[in-house]
Amino acid sequence: MTFGKYLKRIRKGLMSQRELAEKVGVGYPYISKLENDVEPPPSDDLLIKLSEALSVDEEEVFSMANKLPPNIREYLIQDISVVKVVEKLKEDLLMKFLISHYDEILEDKENLFWYFFNTNKRTMLLVDPETLQIVNANDAATIFYNYSKSELMNMKISEINTLPKEEIIQEIKKAKLQERNFFNFRHKLNNNIIVDVKVKSTPIVLDKRIYLCSVIEEVKR
């Protein structure tokens, strides 16, 4: 079944094309073109709006559009083993899709990660667990720490984290082995202000090396 036929089937009996168009913020002719397969499946944002407007499971809508839902893509990025995704979704509607796109997912994983990392509005650092070197930082991190990207990439995480270096090494080891992924730290900003932060550190394999992708959130008191 094409996406257009699927959309028409679930819409009929619920609302008119015009009503659906108003709910998702598009023109009425566009819905008609979608249902007649004149237009390809829409963007992720519009697919989410369609699932909400029609009270249909989001993953089902993405599956019919032959796309991975954003939450699944994020899981693929954050988890070392894509196999775990297949195991967790073995009863899911996306199972056939994931299996048929398995090789493609493996090849695209690094590209997905860098897109997720560079466009994310949350503060993120990529750290080498062996050397403690900050190997990359997104734009949100430069704003939060008040350092340029090049300055951050010339620093070690021990220059930001106020714990003694030996304790930092132990905590990083726990994150790398996935014994623990959530931490409460105190980080020093460029203006010498020290803030409390929550950190989620997840191991990620890039170019056959393991790094820690850390998402940092300030704890405001």
Protein backbone atom coordinates (compact mmCIF):
# COMPACT_ATOMS: atom_id res chain seq x y z
CA MET A 1 0.00 0.00 0.00
CA THR A 2 1.32 3.44 -0.92
CA PHE A 3 1.53 6.22 1.64
CA GLY A 4 -1.19 8.13 -0.20
CA LYS A 5 -3.65 5.24 -0.08
CA TYR A 6 -2.80 4.65 3.58
CA LEU A 7 -3.42 8.31 4.43
CA LYS A 8 -6.74 8.34 2.59
CA ARG A 9 -7.88 5.14 4.33
CA ILE A 10 -7.23 6.41 7.86
CA ARG A 11 -8.58 9.91 7.16
CA LYS A 12 -11.91 8.88 5.63
CA GLY A 13 -14.63 8.68 8.24
CA LEU A 14 -12.72 11.02 10.56
CA MET A 15 -12.58 14.30 8.67
CA SER A 16 -12.46 15.90 5.26
CA GLN A 17 -9.26 16.69 3.39
CA ARG A 18 -9.87 20.37 4.09
CA GLU A 19 -10.27 19.76 7.84
CA LEU A 20 -7.06 17.71 7.95
CA ALA A 21 -5.20 20.40 6.03
CA GLU A 22 -6.28 23.02 8.57
CA LYS A 23 -5.21 20.82 11.50
CA VAL A 24 -1.69 20.26 10.17
CA GLY A 25 -1.20 23.73 8.70
CA VAL A 26 -1.00 23.00 4.97
CA GLY A 27 -3.12 23.86 1.96
CA TYR A 28 -6.05 21.61 1.08
CA PRO A 29 -4.67 20.79 -2.42
CA TYR A 30 -1.49 19.38 -0.84
CA ILE A 31 -3.46 16.75 1.12
CA SER A 32 -5.26 15.79 -2.08
CA LYS A 33 -1.93 15.39 -3.89
CA LEU A 34 -0.55 13.28 -1.03
CA GLU A 35 -3.53 10.93 -1.10
CA ASN A 36 -3.27 10.55 -4.86
CA ASP A 37 0.49 9.89 -4.65
CA VAL A 38 1.24 12.95 -6.73
CA GLU A 39 3.48 14.19 -3.91
CA PRO A 40 6.03 11.98 -2.09
CA PRO A 41 5.64 11.33 1.66
CA PRO A 42 6.07 14.62 3.57
CA SER A 43 8.72 15.84 6.00
CA ASP A 44 9.23 14.37 9.48
CA ASP A 45 7.51 17.36 11.11
CA LEU A 46 4.42 16.98 8.95
CA LEU A 47 4.31 13.21 9.50
CA ILE A 48 4.24 13.85 13.26
CA LYS A 49 1.43 16.40 12.83
CA LEU A 50 -0.54 13.94 10.68
CA SER A 51 -0.20 11.19 13.28
CA GLU A 52 -1.43 13.55 16.00
CA ALA A 53 -4.32 14.93 13.94
CA LEU A 54 -5.50 11.44 12.95
CA SER A 55 -4.75 9.83 16.35
CA VAL A 56 -2.54 7.22 14.72
CA ASP A 57 0.66 5.75 16.15
CA GLU A 58 3.63 7.88 15.02
CA GLU A 59 5.84 4.88 14.23
CA GLU A 60 3.13 3.39 12.02
CA VAL A 61 2.89 6.61 10.00
CA PHE A 62 6.68 6.78 9.56
CA SER A 63 6.79 3.11 8.61
CA MET A 64 4.18 3.63 5.88
CA ALA A 65 6.23 6.60 4.64
CA ASN A 66 9.28 4.30 4.54
CA LYS A 67 11.13 6.47 7.07
CA LEU A 68 12.71 5.97 10.49
CA PRO A 69 10.98 7.92 13.28
CA PRO A 70 13.17 10.58 14.97
CA ASN A 71 13.20 8.70 18.30
CA ILE A 72 14.51 5.55 16.58
CA ARG A 73 17.19 7.54 14.74
CA GLU A 74 18.29 9.10 18.04
CA TYR A 75 18.50 5.67 19.66
CA LEU A 76 20.66 4.42 16.78
CA ILE A 77 23.00 7.36 17.26
CA GLN A 78 23.33 7.00 21.01
CA ASP A 79 23.71 3.21 21.22
CA ILE A 80 26.91 1.41 20.26
CA SER A 81 25.15 -1.65 18.86
CA VAL A 82 22.48 -1.30 16.20
CA VAL A 83 21.67 -4.95 16.84
CA LYS A 84 20.08 -3.91 20.14
CA VAL A 85 17.58 -1.81 18.23
CA VAL A 86 16.49 -4.80 16.17
CA GLU A 87 16.17 -6.92 19.32
CA LYS A 88 14.08 -4.30 21.11
CA LEU A 89 11.79 -3.80 18.13
CA LYS A 90 11.28 -7.44 17.16
CA GLU A 91 7.55 -7.17 17.86
CA ASP A 92 7.30 -3.72 16.27
CA LEU A 93 5.83 -2.67 12.93
CA LEU A 94 9.28 -1.37 11.96
CA MET A 95 10.96 -4.77 12.17
CA LYS A 96 10.84 -5.50 8.45
CA PHE A 97 11.97 -1.99 7.65
CA LEU A 98 14.98 -2.17 9.98
CA ILE A 99 16.09 -5.55 8.66
CA SER A 100 15.79 -4.49 5.03
CA HIS A 101 17.76 -1.28 5.75
CA TYR A 102 20.29 -2.84 8.16
CA ASP A 103 23.38 -2.28 5.99
CA GLU A 104 22.26 1.23 5.13
CA ILE A 105 21.79 2.07 8.81
CA LEU A 106 25.28 0.84 9.65
CA GLU A 107 26.82 2.89 6.85
CA ASP A 108 24.89 6.02 7.73
CA LYS A 109 25.30 5.82 11.50
CA GLU A 110 28.23 8.21 11.67
CA ASN A 111 26.52 10.71 9.38
CA LEU A 112 23.40 10.52 11.55
CA PHE A 113 25.48 11.06 14.66
CA TRP A 114 27.23 14.16 13.32
CA TYR A 115 23.94 15.64 12.15
CA PHE A 116 22.41 14.97 15.56
CA PHE A 117 25.48 16.35 17.36
CA ASN A 118 25.97 19.51 15.31
CA THR A 119 22.32 20.56 15.12
CA ASN A 120 21.32 19.69 18.68
CA LYS A 121 20.29 22.61 20.88
CA ARG A 122 21.48 20.80 24.00
CA THR A 123 25.06 21.27 25.21
CA MET A 124 27.13 18.37 23.87
CA LEU A 125 30.79 17.38 24.05
CA LEU A 126 32.61 14.45 22.47
CA VAL A 127 35.38 13.18 24.74
CA ASP A 128 38.17 10.66 24.22
CA PRO A 129 37.92 8.41 27.32
CA GLU A 130 41.58 7.40 27.05
CA THR A 131 43.14 10.87 26.94
CA LEU A 132 40.27 12.96 28.42
CA GLN A 133 40.64 15.22 25.37
CA ILE A 134 37.56 17.10 24.16
CA VAL A 135 37.58 16.11 20.49
CA ASN A 136 34.47 18.05 19.45
CA ALA A 137 31.87 20.46 20.78
CA ASN A 138 28.60 21.65 19.31
CA ASP A 139 27.46 25.26 19.06
CA ALA A 140 25.39 24.97 22.23
CA ALA A 141 28.54 24.00 24.14
CA THR A 142 30.44 27.07 22.94
CA ILE A 143 27.60 29.26 24.20
CA PHE A 144 27.29 27.45 27.53
CA TYR A 145 31.00 27.32 28.38
CA ASN A 146 31.80 30.68 26.73
CA TYR A 147 34.73 29.21 24.80
CA SER A 148 35.18 29.00 21.04
CA LYS A 149 34.97 25.58 19.45
CA SER A 150 38.72 25.51 18.80
CA GLU A 151 39.41 26.47 22.42
CA LEU A 152 37.23 23.65 23.72
CA MET A 153 38.87 21.16 21.35
CA ASN A 154 42.27 22.12 22.77
CA MET A 155 41.12 21.36 26.30
CA LYS A 156 40.71 18.22 28.36
CA ILE A 157 37.51 17.52 30.24
CA SER A 158 39.56 17.69 33.45
CA GLU A 159 39.99 21.43 32.79
CA ILE A 160 36.21 21.86 33.00
CA ASN A 161 35.18 19.22 35.52
CA THR A 162 36.13 20.28 39.06
CA LEU A 163 36.65 16.73 40.34
CA PRO A 164 40.23 15.53 40.89
CA LYS A 165 41.64 13.97 37.72
CA GLU A 166 41.78 10.49 39.27
CA GLU A 167 38.06 10.61 40.08
CA ILE A 168 37.23 11.86 36.59
CA ILE A 169 39.10 8.89 35.10
CA GLN A 170 37.08 6.49 37.26
CA GLU A 171 33.77 8.08 36.30
CA ILE A 172 34.69 8.05 32.61
CA LYS A 173 35.58 4.38 32.89
CA LYS A 174 32.10 3.67 34.27
CA ALA A 175 30.51 5.54 31.37
CA LYS A 176 32.66 3.76 28.78
CA LEU A 177 31.72 0.33 30.19
CA GLN A 178 28.08 1.46 30.53
CA GLU A 179 28.13 0.67 34.23
CA ARG A 180 26.71 4.14 34.74
CA ASN A 181 25.68 6.87 32.30
CA PHE A 182 24.16 9.65 34.43
CA PHE A 183 26.36 11.86 36.57
CA ASN A 184 26.17 14.99 38.71
CA PHE A 185 29.22 17.19 38.30
CA ARG A 186 30.38 20.75 38.79
CA HIS A 187 31.76 22.41 35.65
CA LYS A 188 33.84 25.55 35.36
CA LEU A 189 32.87 28.09 32.70
CA ASN A 190 35.23 30.50 30.95
CA ASN A 191 34.24 33.33 33.30
CA ASN A 192 35.37 31.17 36.26
CA ILE A 193 31.80 30.64 37.38
CA ILE A 194 31.24 27.09 38.62
CA VAL A 195 27.85 25.53 37.90
CA ASP A 196 26.14 22.28 38.87
CA VAL A 197 25.38 20.08 35.88
CA LYS A 198 23.70 16.80 35.05
CA VAL A 199 25.65 14.80 32.47
CA LYS A 200 24.54 11.85 30.38
CA SER A 201 27.57 10.14 28.80
CA THR A 202 27.04 7.48 26.17
CA PRO A 203 29.76 5.51 24.37
CA ILE A 204 29.73 5.86 20.60
CA VAL A 205 31.97 4.20 18.01
CA LEU A 206 33.31 6.58 15.37
CA ASP A 207 35.97 5.54 12.88
CA LYS A 208 36.51 2.33 14.88
CA ARG A 209 37.29 4.21 18.11
CA ILE A 210 35.14 4.57 21.21
CA TYR A 211 34.30 8.08 22.35
CA LEU A 212 31.93 9.42 24.97
CA CYS A 213 29.13 11.64 23.78
CA SER A 214 28.14 13.79 26.75
CA VAL A 215 24.93 15.79 27.01
CA ILE A 216 25.25 18.50 29.66
CA GLU A 217 22.38 20.24 31.39
CA GLU A 218 22.78 22.96 34.00
CA VAL A 219 21.02 22.34 37.31
CA LYS A 220 19.53 25.66 38.29
CA ARG A 221 18.83 26.20 41.96
